[in-house]
Protein backbone atom coordinates (compact mmCIF):
# COMPACT_ATOMS: atom_id res chain seq x y z
CA MET A 1 4.38 -51.84 -40.53
CA ASP A 2 8.28 -52.36 -40.97
CA VAL A 3 8.15 -55.61 -43.17
CA ASN A 4 10.57 -56.69 -45.89
CA PHE A 5 8.35 -57.03 -48.83
CA PRO A 6 8.02 -58.93 -51.23
CA ILE A 7 7.87 -62.15 -49.00
CA PRO A 8 7.90 -65.60 -50.75
CA PHE A 9 5.47 -67.96 -49.26
CA ALA A 10 3.76 -71.24 -49.88
CA LYS A 11 0.09 -71.91 -49.24
CA MET A 12 -0.26 -75.59 -47.99
CA SER A 13 -3.06 -77.89 -46.89
CA GLY A 14 -2.98 -80.77 -44.28
CA THR A 15 -6.44 -82.56 -44.86
CA GLY A 16 -8.06 -79.16 -45.36
CA ASN A 17 -6.28 -77.46 -42.51
CA ASP A 18 -4.60 -74.64 -44.46
CA PHE A 19 -1.50 -72.75 -43.67
CA ILE A 20 0.85 -69.99 -45.07
CA ILE A 21 4.45 -70.97 -44.72
CA ILE A 22 7.29 -68.62 -44.89
CA ASP A 23 11.15 -69.48 -45.00
CA HIS A 24 12.23 -66.99 -42.24
CA ARG A 25 15.87 -68.13 -41.79
CA ARG A 26 16.53 -64.61 -43.01
CA VAL A 27 14.31 -62.23 -40.98
CA LEU A 28 11.60 -60.65 -43.21
CA VAL A 29 8.98 -59.83 -40.41
CA PRO A 30 10.25 -58.48 -37.05
CA GLU A 31 8.94 -60.43 -34.14
CA GLU A 32 7.24 -57.37 -32.68
CA VAL A 33 4.88 -56.92 -35.64
CA GLN A 34 4.42 -60.59 -36.38
CA ALA A 35 1.06 -61.12 -34.57
CA GLU A 36 -0.67 -58.20 -36.49
CA PHE A 37 1.05 -59.27 -39.78
CA VAL A 38 -0.38 -62.85 -39.34
CA SER A 39 -3.75 -61.70 -38.52
CA ARG A 40 -3.84 -59.55 -41.59
CA VAL A 41 -2.55 -61.99 -44.12
CA CYS A 42 -4.67 -64.87 -42.71
CA ARG A 43 -7.91 -63.01 -43.70
CA ARG A 44 -9.92 -64.89 -46.17
CA MET A 45 -11.12 -62.95 -49.19
CA PHE A 46 -9.07 -59.87 -48.26
CA SER A 47 -5.68 -61.49 -48.17
CA VAL A 48 -4.20 -64.96 -48.77
CA GLY A 49 -6.33 -66.46 -46.09
CA ALA A 50 -5.45 -69.52 -43.70
CA ASP A 51 -6.00 -71.17 -40.36
CA GLY A 52 -2.48 -70.33 -39.40
CA LEU A 53 1.00 -69.16 -40.54
CA ILE A 54 4.22 -70.69 -39.88
CA PHE A 55 7.69 -69.00 -39.99
CA ILE A 56 10.54 -71.52 -40.67
CA GLU A 57 13.68 -70.45 -38.55
CA GLU A 58 17.18 -71.62 -37.75
CA SER A 59 17.71 -73.99 -34.84
CA ASP A 60 20.89 -75.13 -33.17
CA LYS A 61 19.04 -78.15 -31.75
CA ALA A 62 17.39 -79.41 -34.86
CA ASP A 63 17.09 -79.21 -38.56
CA PHE A 64 15.16 -75.99 -38.06
CA SER A 65 12.70 -74.45 -35.61
CA TRP A 66 9.15 -73.05 -36.25
CA ARG A 67 7.10 -70.22 -35.01
CA PHE A 68 3.42 -71.11 -35.39
CA TYR A 69 0.58 -68.59 -35.26
CA ASN A 70 -3.12 -68.95 -35.38
CA ALA A 71 -5.28 -66.99 -37.85
CA ASN A 72 -5.87 -64.37 -35.12
CA GLY A 73 -2.17 -63.83 -34.46
CA SER A 74 -2.09 -65.81 -31.41
CA VAL A 75 0.78 -68.20 -30.76
CA ALA A 76 0.13 -72.02 -30.50
CA GLU A 77 2.66 -74.64 -28.88
CA MET A 78 1.86 -77.20 -31.50
CA CYS A 79 -0.26 -78.06 -34.62
CA GLY A 80 -0.19 -81.67 -36.04
CA ASN A 81 -1.31 -80.78 -39.61
CA GLY A 82 0.73 -77.60 -39.61
CA ALA A 83 3.66 -79.60 -38.57
CA ARG A 84 3.42 -82.08 -41.34
CA CYS A 85 3.14 -79.28 -43.84
CA ALA A 86 6.19 -77.46 -42.25
CA ALA A 87 7.99 -80.84 -42.60
CA ARG A 88 7.13 -81.28 -46.34
CA PHE A 89 7.97 -77.51 -47.05
CA ALA A 90 11.40 -77.96 -45.35
CA TYR A 91 12.13 -81.04 -47.44
CA SER A 92 10.99 -79.28 -50.64
CA LYS A 93 13.33 -76.35 -49.90
CA ASN A 94 16.34 -78.54 -49.06
CA ILE A 95 16.11 -77.34 -45.47
CA ALA A 96 16.01 -80.91 -44.08
CA GLY A 97 16.11 -84.46 -45.38
CA LYS A 98 13.47 -86.94 -45.50
CA LYS A 99 13.85 -87.73 -42.06
CA MET A 100 14.11 -84.58 -39.80
CA SER A 101 13.44 -83.11 -36.52
CA PHE A 102 12.41 -79.53 -35.58
CA GLU A 103 11.65 -77.40 -32.61
CA THR A 104 8.33 -76.22 -31.41
CA MET A 105 7.11 -74.94 -28.16
CA ALA A 106 5.72 -78.37 -27.34
CA GLY A 107 9.22 -79.89 -27.73
CA ILE A 108 11.20 -81.47 -30.43
CA ILE A 109 9.13 -83.03 -33.28
CA GLU A 110 10.45 -85.87 -35.46
CA ALA A 111 8.91 -86.17 -39.02
CA GLU A 112 9.57 -88.32 -42.08
CA ILE A 113 8.62 -87.77 -45.82
CA LEU A 114 7.26 -91.08 -46.93
CA GLY A 115 7.98 -92.19 -50.50
CA ASP A 116 7.95 -89.53 -53.34
CA GLY A 117 4.34 -88.28 -52.59
CA ASP A 118 2.58 -86.03 -50.13
CA GLU A 119 2.42 -88.42 -47.25
CA VAL A 120 4.21 -87.29 -43.92
CA SER A 121 4.50 -89.15 -40.69
CA LEU A 122 5.00 -87.26 -37.51
CA LEU A 123 6.05 -88.58 -34.13
CA MET A 124 4.25 -86.46 -31.64
CA THR A 125 5.43 -85.47 -28.22
CA ALA A 126 3.78 -87.57 -25.40
CA PRO A 127 0.23 -86.31 -24.49
CA PHE A 128 -0.38 -85.24 -20.86
CA ASP A 129 -2.91 -83.92 -18.45
CA PHE A 130 -5.42 -86.61 -19.02
CA ARG A 131 -8.77 -85.83 -17.39
CA THR A 132 -12.05 -87.91 -17.81
CA GLY A 133 -15.64 -87.48 -16.59
CA LEU A 134 -15.83 -83.68 -17.00
CA GLN A 135 -19.30 -82.13 -17.18
CA VAL A 136 -20.48 -79.16 -19.20
CA ARG A 137 -23.89 -77.74 -19.90
CA LEU A 138 -24.51 -77.50 -23.79
CA GLY A 139 -27.86 -76.34 -24.87
CA ASP A 140 -30.21 -77.97 -22.30
CA GLU A 141 -28.31 -81.04 -21.39
CA ASP A 142 -25.33 -81.81 -19.27
CA LYS A 143 -22.64 -83.52 -21.33
CA THR A 144 -19.75 -85.60 -20.09
CA PHE A 145 -16.41 -85.29 -21.81
CA SER A 146 -12.61 -85.84 -21.49
CA TYR A 147 -9.50 -83.73 -22.03
CA MET A 148 -5.79 -84.12 -22.57
CA ASN A 149 -2.96 -82.01 -23.84
CA SER A 150 -1.71 -83.54 -27.05
CA GLY A 151 0.70 -80.62 -27.76
CA VAL A 152 -2.20 -78.22 -27.26
CA PRO A 153 -5.31 -78.62 -25.04
CA HIS A 154 -8.27 -80.66 -26.37
CA ALA A 155 -11.60 -81.45 -24.94
CA VAL A 156 -13.22 -84.59 -26.56
CA LEU A 157 -16.93 -85.21 -26.58
CA PHE A 158 -18.31 -88.47 -27.95
CA MET A 159 -21.75 -88.27 -29.98
CA ASP A 160 -23.97 -90.81 -31.60
CA GLU A 161 -23.11 -91.37 -35.23
CA GLY A 162 -26.25 -89.67 -36.67
CA ALA A 163 -26.41 -86.85 -33.96
CA GLU A 164 -26.64 -83.31 -34.97
CA ILE A 165 -23.80 -81.23 -33.83
CA PRO A 166 -23.65 -77.49 -33.56
CA VAL A 167 -19.93 -77.31 -33.57
CA LYS A 168 -19.53 -73.62 -33.64
CA GLU A 169 -22.07 -72.98 -30.77
CA TRP A 170 -20.95 -75.88 -28.62
CA GLY A 171 -17.21 -75.49 -29.40
CA HIS A 172 -17.31 -71.94 -28.31
CA ASP A 173 -18.95 -72.82 -24.92
CA ILE A 174 -16.23 -75.39 -24.06
CA ARG A 175 -13.38 -73.38 -25.41
CA PHE A 176 -14.29 -70.38 -23.22
CA HIS A 177 -15.49 -72.52 -20.23
CA ASP A 178 -14.26 -71.17 -17.03
CA MET A 179 -12.35 -74.60 -16.27
CA PHE A 180 -9.95 -73.96 -19.16
CA GLN A 181 -9.29 -70.27 -18.55
CA PRO A 182 -7.03 -68.23 -19.28
CA ALA A 183 -5.70 -70.27 -22.17
CA GLY A 184 -8.88 -72.04 -23.34
CA THR A 185 -9.02 -75.27 -25.19
CA ASN A 186 -9.87 -76.76 -28.37
CA ALA A 187 -13.06 -78.77 -28.75
CA ASN A 188 -13.48 -82.15 -30.69
CA PHE A 189 -16.98 -83.91 -31.26
CA VAL A 190 -16.39 -87.54 -32.07
CA GLN A 191 -18.63 -90.02 -33.83
CA PRO A 192 -17.88 -93.84 -34.14
CA LEU A 193 -18.03 -95.17 -37.67
CA ALA A 194 -19.28 -98.48 -38.76
CA ASP A 195 -15.76 -99.47 -40.22
CA GLY A 196 -13.97 -99.00 -36.84
CA GLY A 197 -12.83 -95.59 -37.47
CA ILE A 198 -14.10 -92.24 -36.03
CA ARG A 199 -15.29 -88.92 -37.61
CA VAL A 200 -14.03 -85.82 -35.76
CA ARG A 201 -15.17 -82.32 -35.94
CA THR A 202 -13.02 -79.57 -34.20
CA TYR A 203 -13.59 -76.05 -33.05
CA GLU A 204 -10.22 -74.59 -32.96
CA ARG A 205 -9.20 -71.75 -30.57
CA GLY A 206 -7.41 -68.95 -32.41
CA VAL A 207 -9.60 -69.66 -35.45
CA GLU A 208 -12.66 -69.59 -33.42
CA ASP A 209 -14.58 -71.71 -35.67
CA GLU A 210 -14.80 -75.24 -37.12
CA THR A 211 -11.72 -76.16 -39.27
CA MET A 212 -11.70 -78.82 -41.91
CA ALA A 213 -9.13 -80.85 -39.88
CA CYS A 214 -6.98 -80.60 -36.74
CA GLY A 215 -4.11 -83.13 -36.32
CA THR A 216 -3.67 -82.72 -32.56
CA GLY A 217 -7.39 -82.89 -32.08
CA ALA A 218 -7.44 -86.24 -34.22
CA VAL A 219 -4.68 -87.54 -31.88
CA ALA A 220 -6.64 -86.73 -28.69
CA SER A 221 -9.76 -88.12 -30.16
CA ALA A 222 -8.30 -91.35 -31.31
CA ILE A 223 -6.52 -91.98 -27.88
CA PHE A 224 -9.78 -91.34 -26.10
CA ALA A 225 -11.69 -93.68 -28.70
CA GLU A 226 -9.50 -96.49 -27.65
CA ILE A 227 -9.87 -95.63 -24.00
CA GLU A 228 -13.71 -95.61 -24.48
CA GLY A 229 -13.56 -98.93 -26.42
CA VAL A 230 -14.95 -97.62 -29.71
CA ALA A 231 -11.63 -98.01 -31.70
CA ALA A 232 -7.98 -99.32 -31.50
CA SER A 233 -4.66 -98.33 -32.82
CA PRO A 234 -4.23 -97.67 -35.65
CA VAL A 235 -7.24 -95.30 -35.77
CA GLU A 236 -8.54 -94.05 -38.94
CA VAL A 237 -9.93 -90.60 -38.51
CA LEU A 238 -12.21 -88.95 -40.99
CA THR A 239 -11.98 -85.24 -41.04
CA SER A 240 -14.62 -82.50 -41.54
CA GLY A 241 -12.96 -82.03 -45.02
CA GLY A 242 -13.37 -85.64 -46.08
CA ASP A 243 -9.77 -86.63 -45.94
CA ARG A 244 -8.40 -89.32 -43.58
CA LEU A 245 -5.69 -89.33 -40.83
CA THR A 246 -4.10 -92.31 -39.34
CA ILE A 247 -3.22 -92.17 -35.63
CA ILE A 248 -0.88 -94.80 -34.29
CA PHE A 249 0.01 -95.21 -30.54
CA ASP A 250 0.78 -97.33 -27.52
CA LEU A 251 -1.88 -96.96 -24.90
CA LYS A 252 -0.64 -97.36 -21.32
CA GLU A 253 -2.22 -97.50 -17.97
CA GLY A 254 -2.85 -94.16 -16.33
CA PRO A 255 -4.15 -93.44 -18.94
CA ALA A 256 -1.24 -92.46 -20.93
CA ALA A 257 0.00 -93.02 -24.55
CA GLU A 258 3.49 -93.40 -26.03
CA ASN A 259 5.00 -93.57 -29.61
CA VAL A 260 2.19 -91.46 -30.95
CA TYR A 261 2.41 -90.89 -34.66
CA LEU A 262 0.16 -88.75 -36.91
CA HIS A 263 0.18 -89.80 -40.67
CA GLY A 264 -1.47 -88.04 -43.64
CA PRO A 265 -1.19 -85.91 -46.53
CA ALA A 266 0.46 -82.48 -46.76
CA ARG A 267 -0.01 -80.70 -49.89
CA ILE A 268 1.63 -77.68 -51.62
CA ILE A 269 -1.22 -75.84 -53.02
CA TYR A 270 0.78 -72.90 -54.54
CA GLU A 271 3.69 -70.48 -54.06
CA GLY A 272 3.87 -66.88 -54.66
CA GLN A 273 4.98 -63.43 -53.00
CA LEU A 274 3.25 -61.42 -50.51
CA THR A 275 3.08 -57.61 -51.45
CA ALA A 276 2.38 -54.84 -49.02
CA GLU A 277 -1.23 -54.75 -50.40
CA SER A 278 -1.60 -58.10 -48.70
CA LEU A 279 -1.95 -56.08 -45.39
CA LEU A 280 -4.64 -53.60 -46.66
């Protein structure tokens, strides 16, 4: 593989959703081999390991552009937790100021670094393609769920607070359901909490498993939680990893949502250099 090693990188975590981030304003990994490169370095135990990889690139429309890959090498239009990590990385490397904008396949994203810590606020693109009353067979029961695109597609299923949820099995069935082909969808299982917040567990396409958090999934779940009358903006979302995200939005008739913000921590775990042996 024709790659320019060694490659400096940062390992970052957005509420347990972890990413490899590379300053790619000078090309280090040619586009034609990026998918294979990503799938190799995102392997856990054999390489760095991550839910996804982000290349930070030049832009003539914003402070920078990104190219986002899921762990399996597939391209994703958007990732909320990844976007917050990209924003903090860009600020830490003097690529952008505390207030910034950057290009994604879902559109221009605006972000702000809050204070001197690890908190990042993200203004999301407006969600679209709202669908409610969808039916799916899970196990031996028919379940009703909703769907929207909050940057990437998300199915949202509400469960009782104490319910056992086979996230990997049910998530897989929803992700590959005929109604969402060929692109598929992410699947979120939402439980209302006594404090007015919600717990969200997400099966992510491209990772093909439950992740410790999903920003766009938290956004979709929070908006449907207000539509269902179980929460109201700002919605506190408890992730699988135990951290919390805050979702702020204006709910409109339609349904629709405007001024959607995703707020939470984006942490720099470590920095290093990838060698050719990271691909073995």
